[in-house]
Amino acid sequence: PTSGFANPTLTIIALALRLADHLKGMAR
């Protein structure tokens, strides 16, 4: 929604890991 000043890759990976956890929960 907003970007701050931080380069995005670390946040992209953090959100990807969070989404992976959500998908694991859906699978269960």
mmCIF file of all heavy atoms, coordinates in Angstrom:
data_MODEL
# 
_entry.id   MODEL 
# 
loop_
_atom_site.group_PDB 
_atom_site.id 
_atom_site.type_symbol 
_atom_site.label_atom_id 
_atom_site.label_alt_id 
_atom_site.label_comp_id 
_atom_site.label_asym_id 
_atom_site.label_entity_id 
_atom_site.label_seq_id 
_atom_site.pdbx_PDB_ins_code 
_atom_site.Cartn_x 
_atom_site.Cartn_y 
_atom_site.Cartn_z 
_atom_site.occupancy 
_atom_site.B_iso_or_equiv 
_atom_site.pdbx_formal_charge 
_atom_site.auth_seq_id 
_atom_site.auth_comp_id 
_atom_site.auth_asym_id 
_atom_site.auth_atom_id 
_atom_site.pdbx_PDB_model_num 
ATOM 1   N N   . PRO A 1 1  ? 0.820  -1.216  0.000  1.00 0.00 ? 1  PRO A N   1 
ATOM 2   C CA  . PRO A 1 1  ? 0.000  0.000   0.000  1.00 0.00 ? 1  PRO A CA  1 
ATOM 3   C C   . PRO A 1 1  ? 0.855  1.268   0.000  1.00 0.00 ? 1  PRO A C   1 
ATOM 4   O O   . PRO A 1 1  ? 0.483  2.277   -0.593 1.00 0.00 ? 1  PRO A O   1 
ATOM 5   C CB  . PRO A 1 1  ? -0.811 -0.102  1.302  1.00 0.00 ? 1  PRO A CB  1 
ATOM 6   C CG  . PRO A 1 1  ? -0.699 -1.534  1.726  1.00 0.00 ? 1  PRO A CG  1 
ATOM 7   C CD  . PRO A 1 1  ? 0.641  -1.996  1.246  1.00 0.00 ? 1  PRO A CD  1 
ATOM 8   N N   . THR A 1 2  ? 1.979  1.240   0.709  1.00 0.00 ? 2  THR A N   1 
ATOM 9   C CA  . THR A 1 2  ? 2.963  2.319   0.716  1.00 0.00 ? 2  THR A CA  1 
ATOM 10  C C   . THR A 1 2  ? 4.335  1.673   0.694  1.00 0.00 ? 2  THR A C   1 
ATOM 11  O O   . THR A 1 2  ? 4.482  0.470   0.939  1.00 0.00 ? 2  THR A O   1 
ATOM 12  C CB  . THR A 1 2  ? 2.829  3.216   1.966  1.00 0.00 ? 2  THR A CB  1 
ATOM 13  O OG1 . THR A 1 2  ? 2.878  2.389   3.139  1.00 0.00 ? 2  THR A OG1 1 
ATOM 14  C CG2 . THR A 1 2  ? 1.537  4.004   1.953  1.00 0.00 ? 2  THR A CG2 1 
ATOM 15  N N   . SER A 1 3  ? 5.373  2.479   0.456  1.00 0.00 ? 3  SER A N   1 
ATOM 16  C CA  . SER A 1 3  ? 6.686  1.872   0.192  1.00 0.00 ? 3  SER A CA  1 
ATOM 17  C C   . SER A 1 3  ? 7.770  2.227   1.186  1.00 0.00 ? 3  SER A C   1 
ATOM 18  O O   . SER A 1 3  ? 8.802  1.562   1.213  1.00 0.00 ? 3  SER A O   1 
ATOM 19  C CB  . SER A 1 3  ? 7.159  2.298   -1.207 1.00 0.00 ? 3  SER A CB  1 
ATOM 20  O OG  . SER A 1 3  ? 7.416  3.694   -1.230 1.00 0.00 ? 3  SER A OG  1 
ATOM 21  N N   . GLY A 1 4  ? 7.593  3.295   2.000  1.00 0.00 ? 4  GLY A N   1 
ATOM 22  C CA  . GLY A 1 4  ? 8.718  3.765   2.797  1.00 0.00 ? 4  GLY A CA  1 
ATOM 23  C C   . GLY A 1 4  ? 9.896  4.084   1.902  1.00 0.00 ? 4  GLY A C   1 
ATOM 24  O O   . GLY A 1 4  ? 9.739  4.316   0.697  1.00 0.00 ? 4  GLY A O   1 
ATOM 25  N N   . PHE A 1 5  ? 11.101 4.089   2.491  1.00 0.00 ? 5  PHE A N   1 
ATOM 26  C CA  . PHE A 1 5  ? 12.285 4.304   1.655  1.00 0.00 ? 5  PHE A CA  1 
ATOM 27  C C   . PHE A 1 5  ? 13.083 3.025   1.440  1.00 0.00 ? 5  PHE A C   1 
ATOM 28  O O   . PHE A 1 5  ? 14.113 3.025   0.775  1.00 0.00 ? 5  PHE A O   1 
ATOM 29  C CB  . PHE A 1 5  ? 13.194 5.399   2.231  1.00 0.00 ? 5  PHE A CB  1 
ATOM 30  C CG  . PHE A 1 5  ? 13.788 5.103   3.600  1.00 0.00 ? 5  PHE A CG  1 
ATOM 31  C CD1 . PHE A 1 5  ? 14.614 4.017   3.814  1.00 0.00 ? 5  PHE A CD1 1 
ATOM 32  C CD2 . PHE A 1 5  ? 13.551 5.958   4.666  1.00 0.00 ? 5  PHE A CD2 1 
ATOM 33  C CE1 . PHE A 1 5  ? 15.167 3.751   5.058  1.00 0.00 ? 5  PHE A CE1 1 
ATOM 34  C CE2 . PHE A 1 5  ? 14.102 5.704   5.922  1.00 0.00 ? 5  PHE A CE2 1 
ATOM 35  C CZ  . PHE A 1 5  ? 14.917 4.592   6.110  1.00 0.00 ? 5  PHE A CZ  1 
ATOM 36  N N   . ALA A 1 6  ? 12.649 1.912   2.031  1.00 0.00 ? 6  ALA A N   1 
ATOM 37  C CA  . ALA A 1 6  ? 13.428 0.673   2.007  1.00 0.00 ? 6  ALA A CA  1 
ATOM 38  C C   . ALA A 1 6  ? 13.332 -0.021  0.658  1.00 0.00 ? 6  ALA A C   1 
ATOM 39  O O   . ALA A 1 6  ? 12.235 -0.162  0.101  1.00 0.00 ? 6  ALA A O   1 
ATOM 40  C CB  . ALA A 1 6  ? 12.945 -0.272  3.106  1.00 0.00 ? 6  ALA A CB  1 
ATOM 41  N N   . ASN A 1 7  ? 14.471 -0.494  0.134  1.00 0.00 ? 7  ASN A N   1 
ATOM 42  C CA  . ASN A 1 7  ? 14.426 -1.350  -1.043 1.00 0.00 ? 7  ASN A CA  1 
ATOM 43  C C   . ASN A 1 7  ? 13.497 -2.533  -0.756 1.00 0.00 ? 7  ASN A C   1 
ATOM 44  O O   . ASN A 1 7  ? 13.492 -3.062  0.344  1.00 0.00 ? 7  ASN A O   1 
ATOM 45  C CB  . ASN A 1 7  ? 15.828 -1.850  -1.380 1.00 0.00 ? 7  ASN A CB  1 
ATOM 46  C CG  . ASN A 1 7  ? 16.714 -0.749  -1.913 1.00 0.00 ? 7  ASN A CG  1 
ATOM 47  O OD1 . ASN A 1 7  ? 16.813 0.319   -1.312 1.00 0.00 ? 7  ASN A OD1 1 
ATOM 48  N ND2 . ASN A 1 7  ? 17.383 -1.006  -3.017 1.00 0.00 ? 7  ASN A ND2 1 
ATOM 49  N N   . PRO A 1 8  ? 12.713 -2.975  -1.731 1.00 0.00 ? 8  PRO A N   1 
ATOM 50  C CA  . PRO A 1 8  ? 11.578 -3.856  -1.409 1.00 0.00 ? 8  PRO A CA  1 
ATOM 51  C C   . PRO A 1 8  ? 11.875 -5.332  -1.255 1.00 0.00 ? 8  PRO A C   1 
ATOM 52  O O   . PRO A 1 8  ? 11.030 -6.065  -0.738 1.00 0.00 ? 8  PRO A O   1 
ATOM 53  C CB  . PRO A 1 8  ? 10.640 -3.646  -2.600 1.00 0.00 ? 8  PRO A CB  1 
ATOM 54  C CG  . PRO A 1 8  ? 11.553 -3.311  -3.732 1.00 0.00 ? 8  PRO A CG  1 
ATOM 55  C CD  . PRO A 1 8  ? 12.666 -2.510  -3.126 1.00 0.00 ? 8  PRO A CD  1 
ATOM 56  N N   . THR A 1 9  ? 13.052 -5.827  -1.679 1.00 0.00 ? 9  THR A N   1 
ATOM 57  C CA  . THR A 1 9  ? 13.223 -7.282  -1.788 1.00 0.00 ? 9  THR A CA  1 
ATOM 58  C C   . THR A 1 9  ? 13.072 -7.996  -0.457 1.00 0.00 ? 9  THR A C   1 
ATOM 59  O O   . THR A 1 9  ? 12.431 -9.053  -0.378 1.00 0.00 ? 9  THR A O   1 
ATOM 60  C CB  . THR A 1 9  ? 14.578 -7.617  -2.424 1.00 0.00 ? 9  THR A CB  1 
ATOM 61  O OG1 . THR A 1 9  ? 14.684 -6.948  -3.683 1.00 0.00 ? 9  THR A OG1 1 
ATOM 62  C CG2 . THR A 1 9  ? 14.707 -9.118  -2.655 1.00 0.00 ? 9  THR A CG2 1 
ATOM 63  N N   . LEU A 1 10 ? 13.639 -7.469  0.626  1.00 0.00 ? 10 LEU A N   1 
ATOM 64  C CA  . LEU A 1 10 ? 13.528 -8.140  1.918  1.00 0.00 ? 10 LEU A CA  1 
ATOM 65  C C   . LEU A 1 10 ? 12.061 -8.233  2.348  1.00 0.00 ? 10 LEU A C   1 
ATOM 66  O O   . LEU A 1 10 ? 11.617 -9.262  2.872  1.00 0.00 ? 10 LEU A O   1 
ATOM 67  C CB  . LEU A 1 10 ? 14.353 -7.406  2.973  1.00 0.00 ? 10 LEU A CB  1 
ATOM 68  C CG  . LEU A 1 10 ? 14.478 -8.121  4.324  1.00 0.00 ? 10 LEU A CG  1 
ATOM 69  C CD1 . LEU A 1 10 ? 15.233 -9.434  4.186  1.00 0.00 ? 10 LEU A CD1 1 
ATOM 70  C CD2 . LEU A 1 10 ? 15.161 -7.219  5.352  1.00 0.00 ? 10 LEU A CD2 1 
ATOM 71  N N   . THR A 1 11 ? 11.297 -7.164  2.113  1.00 0.00 ? 11 THR A N   1 
ATOM 72  C CA  . THR A 1 11 ? 9.867  -7.195  2.458  1.00 0.00 ? 11 THR A CA  1 
ATOM 73  C C   . THR A 1 11 ? 9.102  -8.137  1.536  1.00 0.00 ? 11 THR A C   1 
ATOM 74  O O   . THR A 1 11 ? 8.173  -8.828  1.974  1.00 0.00 ? 11 THR A O   1 
ATOM 75  C CB  . THR A 1 11 ? 9.280  -5.775  2.407  1.00 0.00 ? 11 THR A CB  1 
ATOM 76  O OG1 . THR A 1 11 ? 10.021 -4.928  3.285  1.00 0.00 ? 11 THR A OG1 1 
ATOM 77  C CG2 . THR A 1 11 ? 7.822  -5.769  2.824  1.00 0.00 ? 11 THR A CG2 1 
ATOM 78  N N   . ILE A 1 12 ? 9.472  -8.194  0.267  1.00 0.00 ? 12 ILE A N   1 
ATOM 79  C CA  . ILE A 1 12 ? 8.853  -9.146  -0.662 1.00 0.00 ? 12 ILE A CA  1 
ATOM 80  C C   . ILE A 1 12 ? 9.018  -10.566 -0.140 1.00 0.00 ? 12 ILE A C   1 
ATOM 81  O O   . ILE A 1 12 ? 8.066  -11.364 -0.111 1.00 0.00 ? 12 ILE A O   1 
ATOM 82  C CB  . ILE A 1 12 ? 9.473  -9.014  -2.069 1.00 0.00 ? 12 ILE A CB  1 
ATOM 83  C CG1 . ILE A 1 12 ? 9.026  -7.712  -2.741 1.00 0.00 ? 12 ILE A CG1 1 
ATOM 84  C CG2 . ILE A 1 12 ? 9.114  -10.213 -2.942 1.00 0.00 ? 12 ILE A CG2 1 
ATOM 85  C CD1 . ILE A 1 12 ? 9.744  -7.417  -4.045 1.00 0.00 ? 12 ILE A CD1 1 
ATOM 86  N N   . ILE A 1 13 ? 10.217 -10.894 0.306  1.00 0.00 ? 13 ILE A N   1 
ATOM 87  C CA  . ILE A 1 13 ? 10.477 -12.252 0.798  1.00 0.00 ? 13 ILE A CA  1 
ATOM 88  C C   . ILE A 1 13 ? 9.723  -12.500 2.099  1.00 0.00 ? 13 ILE A C   1 
ATOM 89  O O   . ILE A 1 13 ? 9.134  -13.575 2.296  1.00 0.00 ? 13 ILE A O   1 
ATOM 90  C CB  . ILE A 1 13 ? 11.991 -12.468 0.972  1.00 0.00 ? 13 ILE A CB  1 
ATOM 91  C CG1 . ILE A 1 13 ? 12.679 -12.420 -0.393 1.00 0.00 ? 13 ILE A CG1 1 
ATOM 92  C CG2 . ILE A 1 13 ? 12.279 -13.797 1.663  1.00 0.00 ? 13 ILE A CG2 1 
ATOM 93  C CD1 . ILE A 1 13 ? 14.185 -12.390 -0.320 1.00 0.00 ? 13 ILE A CD1 1 
ATOM 94  N N   . ALA A 1 14 ? 9.717  -11.516 2.996  1.00 0.00 ? 14 ALA A N   1 
ATOM 95  C CA  . ALA A 1 14 ? 8.986  -11.675 4.260  1.00 0.00 ? 14 ALA A CA  1 
ATOM 96  C C   . ALA A 1 14 ? 7.505  -11.921 4.001  1.00 0.00 ? 14 ALA A C   1 
ATOM 97  O O   . ALA A 1 14 ? 6.884  -12.809 4.607  1.00 0.00 ? 14 ALA A O   1 
ATOM 98  C CB  . ALA A 1 14 ? 9.189  -10.442 5.130  1.00 0.00 ? 14 ALA A CB  1 
ATOM 99  N N   . LEU A 1 15 ? 6.906  -11.158 3.093  1.00 0.00 ? 15 LEU A N   1 
ATOM 100 C CA  . LEU A 1 15 ? 5.489  -11.360 2.767  1.00 0.00 ? 15 LEU A CA  1 
ATOM 101 C C   . LEU A 1 15 ? 5.260  -12.701 2.087  1.00 0.00 ? 15 LEU A C   1 
ATOM 102 O O   . LEU A 1 15 ? 4.213  -13.340 2.283  1.00 0.00 ? 15 LEU A O   1 
ATOM 103 C CB  . LEU A 1 15 ? 4.996  -10.223 1.872  1.00 0.00 ? 15 LEU A CB  1 
ATOM 104 C CG  . LEU A 1 15 ? 4.783  -8.860  2.522  1.00 0.00 ? 15 LEU A CG  1 
ATOM 105 C CD1 . LEU A 1 15 ? 4.387  -7.840  1.467  1.00 0.00 ? 15 LEU A CD1 1 
ATOM 106 C CD2 . LEU A 1 15 ? 3.718  -8.929  3.616  1.00 0.00 ? 15 LEU A CD2 1 
ATOM 107 N N   . ALA A 1 16 ? 6.221  -13.144 1.264  1.00 0.00 ? 16 ALA A N   1 
ATOM 108 C CA  . ALA A 1 16 ? 6.092  -14.448 0.610  1.00 0.00 ? 16 ALA A CA  1 
ATOM 109 C C   . ALA A 1 16 ? 6.092  -15.569 1.645  1.00 0.00 ? 16 ALA A C   1 
ATOM 110 O O   . ALA A 1 16 ? 5.314  -16.530 1.536  1.00 0.00 ? 16 ALA A O   1 
ATOM 111 C CB  . ALA A 1 16 ? 7.225  -14.642 -0.397 1.00 0.00 ? 16 ALA A CB  1 
ATOM 112 N N   . LEU A 1 17 ? 6.940  -15.463 2.651  1.00 0.00 ? 17 LEU A N   1 
ATOM 113 C CA  . LEU A 1 17 ? 6.976  -16.473 3.706  1.00 0.00 ? 17 LEU A CA  1 
ATOM 114 C C   . LEU A 1 17 ? 5.674  -16.455 4.504  1.00 0.00 ? 17 LEU A C   1 
ATOM 115 O O   . LEU A 1 17 ? 5.155  -17.515 4.894  1.00 0.00 ? 17 LEU A O   1 
ATOM 116 C CB  . LEU A 1 17 ? 8.173  -16.227 4.624  1.00 0.00 ? 17 LEU A CB  1 
ATOM 117 C CG  . LEU A 1 17 ? 9.553  -16.354 3.961  1.00 0.00 ? 17 LEU A CG  1 
ATOM 118 C CD1 . LEU A 1 17 ? 10.650 -15.968 4.938  1.00 0.00 ? 17 LEU A CD1 1 
ATOM 119 C CD2 . LEU A 1 17 ? 9.780  -17.767 3.439  1.00 0.00 ? 17 LEU A CD2 1 
ATOM 120 N N   . ARG A 1 18 ? 5.151  -15.266 4.739  1.00 0.00 ? 18 ARG A N   1 
ATOM 121 C CA  . ARG A 1 18 ? 3.868  -15.148 5.455  1.00 0.00 ? 18 ARG A CA  1 
ATOM 122 C C   . ARG A 1 18 ? 2.748  -15.783 4.638  1.00 0.00 ? 18 ARG A C   1 
ATOM 123 O O   . ARG A 1 18 ? 1.886  -16.497 5.171  1.00 0.00 ? 18 ARG A O   1 
ATOM 124 C CB  . ARG A 1 18 ? 3.575  -13.674 5.731  1.00 0.00 ? 18 ARG A CB  1 
ATOM 125 C CG  . ARG A 1 18 ? 2.284  -13.404 6.502  1.00 0.00 ? 18 ARG A CG  1 
ATOM 126 C CD  . ARG A 1 18 ? 2.172  -11.918 6.811  1.00 0.00 ? 18 ARG A CD  1 
ATOM 127 N NE  . ARG A 1 18 ? 0.941  -11.618 7.525  1.00 0.00 ? 18 ARG A NE  1 
ATOM 128 C CZ  . ARG A 1 18 ? -0.205 -11.268 6.943  1.00 0.00 ? 18 ARG A CZ  1 
ATOM 129 N NH1 . ARG A 1 18 ? -0.273 -11.199 5.614  1.00 0.00 ? 18 ARG A NH1 1 
ATOM 130 N NH2 . ARG A 1 18 ? -1.276 -11.001 7.673  1.00 0.00 ? 18 ARG A NH2 1 
ATOM 131 N N   . LEU A 1 19 ? 2.740  -15.537 3.321  1.00 0.00 ? 19 LEU A N   1 
ATOM 132 C CA  . LEU A 1 19 ? 1.724  -16.136 2.453  1.00 0.00 ? 19 LEU A CA  1 
ATOM 133 C C   . LEU A 1 19 ? 1.873  -17.658 2.423  1.00 0.00 ? 19 LEU A C   1 
ATOM 134 O O   . LEU A 1 19 ? 0.874  -18.387 2.437  1.00 0.00 ? 19 LEU A O   1 
ATOM 135 C CB  . LEU A 1 19 ? 1.832  -15.551 1.044  1.00 0.00 ? 19 LEU A CB  1 
ATOM 136 C CG  . LEU A 1 19 ? 0.931  -16.162 -0.029 1.00 0.00 ? 19 LEU A CG  1 
ATOM 137 C CD1 . LEU A 1 19 ? -0.525 -16.169 0.386  1.00 0.00 ? 19 LEU A CD1 1 
ATOM 138 C CD2 . LEU A 1 19 ? 1.103  -15.419 -1.361 1.00 0.00 ? 19 LEU A CD2 1 
ATOM 139 N N   . ALA A 1 20 ? 3.113  -18.145 2.391  1.00 0.00 ? 20 ALA A N   1 
ATOM 140 C CA  . ALA A 1 20 ? 3.333  -19.597 2.407  1.00 0.00 ? 20 ALA A CA  1 
ATOM 141 C C   . ALA A 1 20 ? 2.743  -20.209 3.670  1.00 0.00 ? 20 ALA A C   1 
ATOM 142 O O   . ALA A 1 20 ? 2.110  -21.282 3.618  1.00 0.00 ? 20 ALA A O   1 
ATOM 143 C CB  . ALA A 1 20 ? 4.826  -19.905 2.301  1.00 0.00 ? 20 ALA A CB  1 
ATOM 144 N N   . ASP A 1 21 ? 2.915  -19.555 4.812  1.00 0.00 ? 21 ASP A N   1 
ATOM 145 C CA  . ASP A 1 21 ? 2.325  -20.057 6.052  1.00 0.00 ? 21 ASP A CA  1 
ATOM 146 C C   . ASP A 1 21 ? 0.800  -20.102 5.966  1.00 0.00 ? 21 ASP A C   1 
ATOM 147 O O   . ASP A 1 21 ? 0.157  -21.048 6.433  1.00 0.00 ? 21 ASP A O   1 
ATOM 148 C CB  . ASP A 1 21 ? 2.745  -19.179 7.240  1.00 0.00 ? 21 ASP A CB  1 
ATOM 149 C CG  . ASP A 1 21 ? 4.129  -19.526 7.759  1.00 0.00 ? 21 ASP A CG  1 
ATOM 150 O OD1 . ASP A 1 21 ? 4.773  -20.437 7.194  1.00 0.00 ? 21 ASP A OD1 1 
ATOM 151 O OD2 . ASP A 1 21 ? 4.580  -18.884 8.726  1.00 0.00 ? 21 ASP A OD2 1 
ATOM 152 N N   . HIS A 1 22 ? 0.231  -19.061 5.354  1.00 0.00 ? 22 HIS A N   1 
ATOM 153 C CA  . HIS A 1 22 ? -1.231 -19.033 5.195  1.00 0.00 ? 22 HIS A CA  1 
ATOM 154 C C   . HIS A 1 22 ? -1.691 -20.200 4.319  1.00 0.00 ? 22 HIS A C   1 
ATOM 155 O O   . HIS A 1 22 ? -2.692 -20.869 4.633  1.00 0.00 ? 22 HIS A O   1 
ATOM 156 C CB  . HIS A 1 22 ? -1.656 -17.703 4.583  1.00 0.00 ? 22 HIS A CB  1 
ATOM 157 C CG  . HIS A 1 22 ? -3.126 -17.616 4.301  1.00 0.00 ? 22 HIS A CG  1 
ATOM 158 N ND1 . HIS A 1 22 ? -4.077 -17.403 5.273  1.00 0.00 ? 22 HIS A ND1 1 
ATOM 159 C CD2 . HIS A 1 22 ? -3.815 -17.737 3.120  1.00 0.00 ? 22 HIS A CD2 1 
ATOM 160 C CE1 . HIS A 1 22 ? -5.279 -17.386 4.731  1.00 0.00 ? 22 HIS A CE1 1 
ATOM 161 N NE2 . HIS A 1 22 ? -5.149 -17.586 3.426  1.00 0.00 ? 22 HIS A NE2 1 
ATOM 162 N N   . LEU A 1 23 ? -0.986 -20.454 3.224  1.00 0.00 ? 23 LEU A N   1 
ATOM 163 C CA  . LEU A 1 23 ? -1.364 -21.547 2.327  1.00 0.00 ? 23 LEU A CA  1 
ATOM 164 C C   . LEU A 1 23 ? -1.210 -22.902 3.008  1.00 0.00 ? 23 LEU A C   1 
ATOM 165 O O   . LEU A 1 23 ? -2.006 -23.827 2.780  1.00 0.00 ? 23 LEU A O   1 
ATOM 166 C CB  . LEU A 1 23 ? -0.521 -21.486 1.050  1.00 0.00 ? 23 LEU A CB  1 
ATOM 167 C CG  . LEU A 1 23 ? -0.829 -20.309 0.119  1.00 0.00 ? 23 LEU A CG  1 
ATOM 168 C CD1 . LEU A 1 23 ? 0.230  -20.194 -0.969 1.00 0.00 ? 23 LEU A CD1 1 
ATOM 169 C CD2 . LEU A 1 23 ? -2.212 -20.455 -0.500 1.00 0.00 ? 23 LEU A CD2 1 
ATOM 170 N N   . LYS A 1 24 ? -0.198 -23.035 3.865  1.00 0.00 ? 24 LYS A N   1 
ATOM 171 C CA  . LYS A 1 24 ? -0.052 -24.281 4.631  1.00 0.00 ? 24 LYS A CA  1 
ATOM 172 C C   . LYS A 1 24 ? -1.258 -24.475 5.546  1.00 0.00 ? 24 LYS A C   1 
ATOM 173 O O   . LYS A 1 24 ? -1.762 -25.596 5.701  1.00 0.00 ? 24 LYS A O   1 
ATOM 174 C CB  . LYS A 1 24 ? 1.234  -24.237 5.445  1.00 0.00 ? 24 LYS A CB  1 
ATOM 175 C CG  . LYS A 1 24 ? 2.508  -24.283 4.617  1.00 0.00 ? 24 LYS A CG  1 
ATOM 176 C CD  . LYS A 1 24 ? 3.738  -24.045 5.492  1.00 0.00 ? 24 LYS A CD  1 
ATOM 177 C CE  . LYS A 1 24 ? 4.994  -23.901 4.659  1.00 0.00 ? 24 LYS A CE  1 
ATOM 178 N NZ  . LYS A 1 24 ? 6.180  -23.561 5.498  1.00 0.00 ? 24 LYS A NZ  1 
ATOM 179 N N   . GLY A 1 25 ? -1.710 -23.388 6.152  1.00 0.00 ? 25 GLY A N   1 
ATOM 180 C CA  . GLY A 1 25 ? -2.896 -23.472 7.000  1.00 0.00 ? 25 GLY A CA  1 
ATOM 181 C C   . GLY A 1 25 ? -4.130 -23.855 6.222  1.00 0.00 ? 25 GLY A C   1 
ATOM 182 O O   . GLY A 1 25 ? -4.966 -24.649 6.695  1.00 0.00 ? 25 GLY A O   1 
ATOM 183 N N   . MET A 1 26 ? -4.267 -23.308 5.010  1.00 0.00 ? 26 MET A N   1 
ATOM 184 C CA  . MET A 1 26 ? -5.406 -23.671 4.167  1.00 0.00 ? 26 MET A CA  1 
ATOM 185 C C   . MET A 1 26 ? -5.371 -25.152 3.805  1.00 0.00 ? 26 MET A C   1 
ATOM 186 O O   . MET A 1 26 ? -6.411 -25.822 3.743  1.00 0.00 ? 26 MET A O   1 
ATOM 187 C CB  . MET A 1 26 ? -5.388 -22.827 2.890  1.00 0.00 ? 26 MET A CB  1 
ATOM 188 C CG  . MET A 1 26 ? -5.572 -21.334 3.117  1.00 0.00 ? 26 MET A CG  1 
ATOM 189 S SD  . MET A 1 26 ? -7.222 -20.917 3.722  1.00 0.00 ? 26 MET A SD  1 
ATOM 190 C CE  . MET A 1 26 ? -8.193 -21.274 2.275  1.00 0.00 ? 26 MET A CE  1 
ATOM 191 N N   . ALA A 1 27 ? -4.170 -25.684 3.575  1.00 0.00 ? 27 ALA A N   1 
ATOM 192 C CA  . ALA A 1 27 ? -4.039 -27.086 3.188  1.00 0.00 ? 27 ALA A CA  1 
ATOM 193 C C   . ALA A 1 27 ? -4.432 -28.024 4.319  1.00 0.00 ? 27 ALA A C   1 
ATOM 194 O O   . ALA A 1 27 ? -4.873 -29.154 4.079  1.00 0.00 ? 27 ALA A O   1 
ATOM 195 C CB  . ALA A 1 27 ? -2.599 -27.363 2.754  1.00 0.00 ? 27 ALA A CB  1 
ATOM 196 N N   . ARG A 1 28 ? -4.269 -27.561 5.562  1.00 0.00 ? 28 ARG A N   1 
ATOM 197 C CA  . ARG A 1 28 ? -4.597 -28.417 6.707  1.00 0.00 ? 28 ARG A CA  1 
ATOM 198 C C   . ARG A 1 28 ? -6.091 -28.459 7.004  1.00 0.00 ? 28 ARG A C   1 
ATOM 199 O O   . ARG A 1 28 ? -6.545 -29.261 7.818  1.00 0.00 ? 28 ARG A O   1 
ATOM 200 C CB  . ARG A 1 28 ? -3.830 -27.937 7.940  1.00 0.00 ? 28 ARG A CB  1 
ATOM 201 C CG  . ARG A 1 28 ? -2.333 -28.229 7.884  1.00 0.00 ? 28 ARG A CG  1 
ATOM 202 C CD  . ARG A 1 28 ? -1.686 -28.010 9.240  1.00 0.00 ? 28 ARG A CD  1 
ATOM 203 N NE  . ARG A 1 28 ? -1.675 -26.608 9.622  1.00 0.00 ? 28 ARG A NE  1 
ATOM 204 C CZ  . ARG A 1 28 ? -0.673 -25.777 9.379  1.00 0.00 ? 28 ARG A CZ  1 
ATOM 205 N NH1 . ARG A 1 28 ? 0.403  -26.207 8.735  1.00 0.00 ? 28 ARG A NH1 1 
ATOM 206 N NH2 . ARG A 1 28 ? -0.730 -24.517 9.760  1.00 0.00 ? 28 ARG A NH2 1 
# 
